[in-house]
Amino acid sequence: MCGRFAITSPPEAVRAYFRYVEQPNFPPRYNIAPTQPIPLVIARGEHRHFMLARWGFLPGFVKDVKKFPLLINARAETLTEKPSFRAALRRRRCLIPADAWYEWRANLSGPKTPFLLRRAGGGLMAFAGLWETYLDPSGGEIDTACIITTCANGATSALHERMPAILEPEDFDAWLNPDETIAPPLPLLRPAADETIAFHAISPRINHASAEGAELQAAV
């Protein structure tokens, strides 16, 4: 599961890494929580584009949002089996820019310990995702998205059994390709190599969705 993440790189660096058309200006966010807006990169025509969406996927068939569960993650292994994700998997795949994500390790006693996970040496990551524009009964539209997860690699399995599916730049075009006649490149949704992810324990302040600031990522 991925229930919190961060995007703190300068907007210019994010644009250079993902090569989208727009140049948005957004502040660093150290503690992104479900239902908050998150950045997405999508393909439209011959170009990549930046957009914002609510973190919490809503399929088009939902009638009552209040009764539908909050889908912040989608398991890579069952994407083709779940009616909620089938349409988006065919034509609305996206990349979700991130610098880090957070997981909580269960202990023998007491509260769970939060950890920060990021690329070894730092740097941007692209989480595989799905997005959908939900049309509510009153005619309003809201763009929604979820992060695709896969099995944890050997290193991160000490913290949690799942991790985000991280794509490398050479795979971006294949994942974003909106051509429905081409099968989704599901083999790309695999655990990151062990040596590519580093992690350390952080303060339990991250538990509060309202907490922000670089100090949240400091090792303890």
Protein backbone atom coordinates (compact mmCIF):
# COMPACT_ATOMS: atom_id res chain seq x y z
CA MET A 1 0.00 0.00 0.00
CA CYS A 2 1.05 3.58 -0.59
CA GLY A 3 -0.93 5.91 1.65
CA ARG A 4 1.32 8.99 1.78
CA PHE A 5 3.98 10.41 -0.51
CA ALA A 6 5.94 13.58 -1.27
CA ILE A 7 6.86 15.70 -4.28
CA THR A 8 9.44 18.32 -3.33
CA SER A 9 11.62 18.81 -6.44
CA PRO A 10 11.45 22.23 -8.14
CA PRO A 11 8.74 22.47 -10.83
CA GLU A 12 11.39 23.00 -13.51
CA ALA A 13 13.15 19.76 -12.53
CA VAL A 14 9.90 17.81 -12.59
CA ARG A 15 9.07 19.14 -16.06
CA ALA A 16 12.53 18.28 -17.36
CA TYR A 17 12.28 14.71 -16.03
CA PHE A 18 8.78 13.99 -17.37
CA ARG A 19 8.95 16.22 -20.48
CA TYR A 20 5.41 17.55 -20.40
CA VAL A 21 4.28 20.68 -22.27
CA GLU A 22 3.12 22.90 -19.42
CA GLN A 23 5.28 24.67 -16.84
CA PRO A 24 3.15 24.65 -13.67
CA ASN A 25 4.33 26.33 -10.52
CA PHE A 26 3.61 24.30 -7.39
CA PRO A 27 5.04 24.35 -3.86
CA PRO A 28 6.92 21.42 -2.29
CA ARG A 29 4.57 18.98 -0.58
CA TYR A 30 6.08 16.69 2.04
CA ASN A 31 2.96 14.89 3.20
CA ILE A 32 0.40 14.22 0.47
CA ALA A 33 -2.61 12.34 1.83
CA PRO A 34 -5.63 10.66 0.21
CA THR A 35 -8.39 12.95 -1.20
CA GLN A 36 -5.84 15.75 -1.73
CA PRO A 37 -4.87 16.93 -5.25
CA ILE A 38 -1.89 15.13 -6.75
CA PRO A 39 0.13 15.80 -9.94
CA LEU A 40 -0.28 13.52 -12.94
CA VAL A 41 1.45 13.19 -16.29
CA ILE A 42 -0.72 11.94 -19.16
CA ALA A 43 -0.36 11.51 -22.92
CA ARG A 44 -2.67 13.41 -25.25
CA GLY A 45 -1.91 13.42 -28.93
CA GLU A 46 1.83 13.51 -29.51
CA HIS A 47 2.69 15.23 -26.24
CA ARG A 48 2.72 14.65 -22.49
CA HIS A 49 0.70 16.95 -20.28
CA PHE A 50 0.57 17.90 -16.60
CA MET A 51 -2.71 17.83 -14.70
CA LEU A 52 -4.05 17.64 -11.16
CA ALA A 53 -6.46 15.03 -9.85
CA ARG A 54 -7.99 13.99 -6.56
CA TRP A 55 -6.14 11.08 -4.97
CA GLY A 56 -8.99 8.61 -4.74
CA PHE A 57 -10.15 6.88 -7.93
CA LEU A 58 -13.84 6.99 -8.90
CA PRO A 59 -15.00 4.70 -11.73
CA GLY A 60 -17.67 6.05 -14.03
CA PHE A 61 -20.31 3.58 -12.84
CA VAL A 62 -20.39 4.91 -9.24
CA LYS A 63 -23.82 6.27 -8.29
CA ASP A 64 -23.26 7.29 -4.67
CA VAL A 65 -19.77 8.57 -3.88
CA LYS A 66 -20.42 8.44 -0.14
CA LYS A 67 -21.03 4.68 -0.27
CA PHE A 68 -18.10 3.85 -2.53
CA PRO A 69 -14.74 2.96 -0.93
CA LEU A 70 -11.78 5.30 -1.38
CA LEU A 71 -9.53 3.68 -4.00
CA ILE A 72 -6.10 5.22 -3.52
CA ASN A 73 -4.19 2.13 -4.73
CA ALA A 74 -4.76 -0.56 -7.36
CA ARG A 75 -2.98 -3.91 -7.20
CA ALA A 76 -1.00 -4.61 -10.39
CA GLU A 77 -1.77 -8.33 -10.22
CA THR A 78 -5.56 -7.88 -10.42
CA LEU A 79 -5.97 -4.81 -12.63
CA THR A 80 -7.52 -6.75 -15.48
CA GLU A 81 -9.98 -8.50 -13.15
CA LYS A 82 -11.42 -5.45 -11.40
CA PRO A 83 -14.34 -3.67 -13.13
CA SER A 84 -13.32 -0.43 -11.39
CA PHE A 85 -10.05 -0.23 -13.34
CA ARG A 86 -10.66 -1.94 -16.69
CA ALA A 87 -11.58 1.14 -18.73
CA ALA A 88 -8.80 3.30 -17.27
CA LEU A 89 -6.23 0.55 -17.77
CA ARG A 90 -7.03 0.52 -21.50
CA ARG A 91 -6.99 4.24 -22.17
CA ARG A 92 -6.22 6.40 -19.10
CA ARG A 93 -2.86 5.35 -17.72
CA CYS A 94 -0.70 8.03 -16.09
CA LEU A 95 2.54 8.76 -14.28
CA ILE A 96 2.53 10.23 -10.77
CA PRO A 97 5.64 12.30 -9.96
CA ALA A 98 7.13 11.68 -6.51
CA ASP A 99 10.37 12.08 -4.56
CA ALA A 100 9.48 9.73 -1.70
CA TRP A 101 6.73 7.69 -0.13
CA TYR A 102 6.02 6.58 3.43
CA GLU A 103 5.27 3.23 5.03
CA TRP A 104 4.59 2.16 8.61
CA ARG A 105 6.30 -0.91 10.11
CA ALA A 106 4.41 -2.87 12.72
CA ASN A 107 6.32 -3.52 15.97
CA LEU A 108 5.93 -6.25 18.57
CA SER A 109 4.39 -3.67 20.88
CA GLY A 110 3.45 -0.01 20.76
CA PRO A 111 2.61 2.13 17.72
CA LYS A 112 3.90 1.50 14.22
CA THR A 113 7.16 3.16 13.13
CA PRO A 114 6.95 5.41 10.05
CA PHE A 115 9.65 5.19 7.38
CA LEU A 116 10.59 7.34 4.42
CA LEU A 117 11.46 5.48 1.19
CA ARG A 118 13.15 7.09 -1.80
CA ARG A 119 15.64 6.43 -4.56
CA ALA A 120 19.08 5.58 -3.26
CA GLY A 121 20.94 8.85 -3.71
CA GLY A 122 17.70 10.82 -4.13
CA GLY A 123 15.94 11.90 -7.30
CA LEU A 124 12.53 11.83 -8.90
CA MET A 125 10.38 8.75 -9.34
CA ALA A 126 7.40 7.99 -11.54
CA PHE A 127 4.67 5.91 -9.93
CA ALA A 128 2.44 4.06 -12.40
CA GLY A 129 -1.15 5.22 -12.04
CA LEU A 130 -4.65 5.30 -13.49
CA TRP A 131 -6.98 8.26 -13.81
CA GLU A 132 -10.64 8.82 -14.53
CA THR A 133 -12.89 11.86 -14.94
CA TYR A 134 -15.93 11.20 -12.79
CA LEU A 135 -19.24 12.79 -13.76
CA ASP A 136 -21.51 13.20 -10.75
CA PRO A 137 -25.33 13.06 -10.99
CA SER A 138 -25.58 16.88 -11.00
CA GLY A 139 -23.28 17.14 -14.02
CA GLY A 140 -20.11 18.16 -12.20
CA GLU A 141 -16.76 16.69 -13.22
CA ILE A 142 -13.81 15.70 -11.06
CA ASP A 143 -10.53 14.15 -12.20
CA THR A 144 -9.51 11.28 -9.91
CA ALA A 145 -6.50 8.96 -9.77
CA CYS A 146 -4.87 6.05 -7.96
CA ILE A 147 -1.36 4.63 -7.59
CA ILE A 148 -0.64 1.12 -8.84
CA THR A 149 1.20 -1.09 -6.36
CA THR A 150 3.17 -4.29 -6.76
CA CYS A 151 4.94 -6.72 -4.44
CA ALA A 152 7.65 -5.21 -2.25
CA ASN A 153 11.23 -5.92 -3.22
CA GLY A 154 13.57 -7.85 -0.93
CA ALA A 155 14.70 -4.76 0.93
CA THR A 156 11.39 -2.99 1.50
CA SER A 157 9.51 -6.17 2.42
CA ALA A 158 10.91 -5.65 5.93
CA LEU A 159 8.53 -2.69 6.19
CA HIS A 160 5.52 -3.60 4.08
CA GLU A 161 4.43 -6.29 1.61
CA ARG A 162 3.57 -3.76 -1.13
CA MET A 163 5.31 -0.86 -2.88
CA PRO A 164 4.41 1.55 -5.70
CA ALA A 165 5.16 0.32 -9.22
CA ILE A 166 8.00 2.64 -10.27
CA LEU A 167 8.60 3.24 -13.98
CA GLU A 168 11.85 4.43 -15.56
CA PRO A 169 12.00 7.12 -18.28
CA GLU A 170 12.63 4.60 -21.04
CA ASP A 171 9.25 3.00 -20.21
CA PHE A 172 7.17 6.20 -20.00
CA ASP A 173 5.96 6.17 -23.61
CA ALA A 174 4.91 2.53 -23.48
CA TRP A 175 2.93 3.05 -20.28
CA LEU A 176 1.26 6.29 -21.38
CA ASN A 177 0.36 5.11 -24.89
CA PRO A 178 -3.43 5.72 -25.17
CA ASP A 179 -3.87 3.41 -28.18
CA GLU A 180 -6.57 0.94 -27.08
CA THR A 181 -5.54 -1.54 -29.78
CA ILE A 182 -2.25 -2.16 -27.97
CA ALA A 183 -2.38 -4.29 -24.81
CA PRO A 184 -1.39 -2.47 -21.60
CA PRO A 185 2.30 -3.13 -20.80
CA LEU A 186 1.63 -4.96 -17.55
CA PRO A 187 5.15 -6.51 -17.33
CA LEU A 188 6.43 -3.01 -16.49
CA LEU A 189 4.58 -3.18 -13.16
CA ARG A 190 7.27 -4.97 -11.17
CA PRO A 191 9.15 -4.38 -7.89
CA ALA A 192 12.12 -2.02 -8.02
CA ALA A 193 15.56 -3.60 -7.74
CA ASP A 194 16.69 -3.91 -4.12
CA GLU A 195 19.66 -1.58 -4.40
CA THR A 196 17.60 1.24 -5.96
CA ILE A 197 15.49 2.07 -2.88
CA ALA A 198 16.79 3.42 0.44
CA PHE A 199 14.77 4.05 3.60
CA HIS A 200 15.04 5.32 7.16
CA ALA A 201 12.80 5.81 10.18
CA ILE A 202 11.19 9.23 10.65
CA SER A 203 9.18 11.09 13.27
CA PRO A 204 5.58 10.03 13.96
CA ARG A 205 4.59 13.61 13.10
CA ILE A 206 4.03 12.26 9.59
CA ASN A 207 0.96 10.47 10.99
CA HIS A 208 -0.94 13.77 10.95
CA ALA A 209 -2.20 14.64 7.48
CA SER A 210 -1.96 18.34 8.27
CA ALA A 211 1.78 18.17 9.08
CA GLU A 212 4.12 19.68 6.48
CA GLY A 213 7.76 20.67 6.06
CA ALA A 214 11.17 19.20 5.29
CA GLU A 215 11.72 18.19 8.92
CA LEU A 216 9.15 15.40 8.45
CA GLN A 217 11.73 13.52 6.37
CA ALA A 218 14.60 13.77 8.85
CA ALA A 219 15.99 10.46 10.08
CA VAL A 220 15.39 9.54 13.73
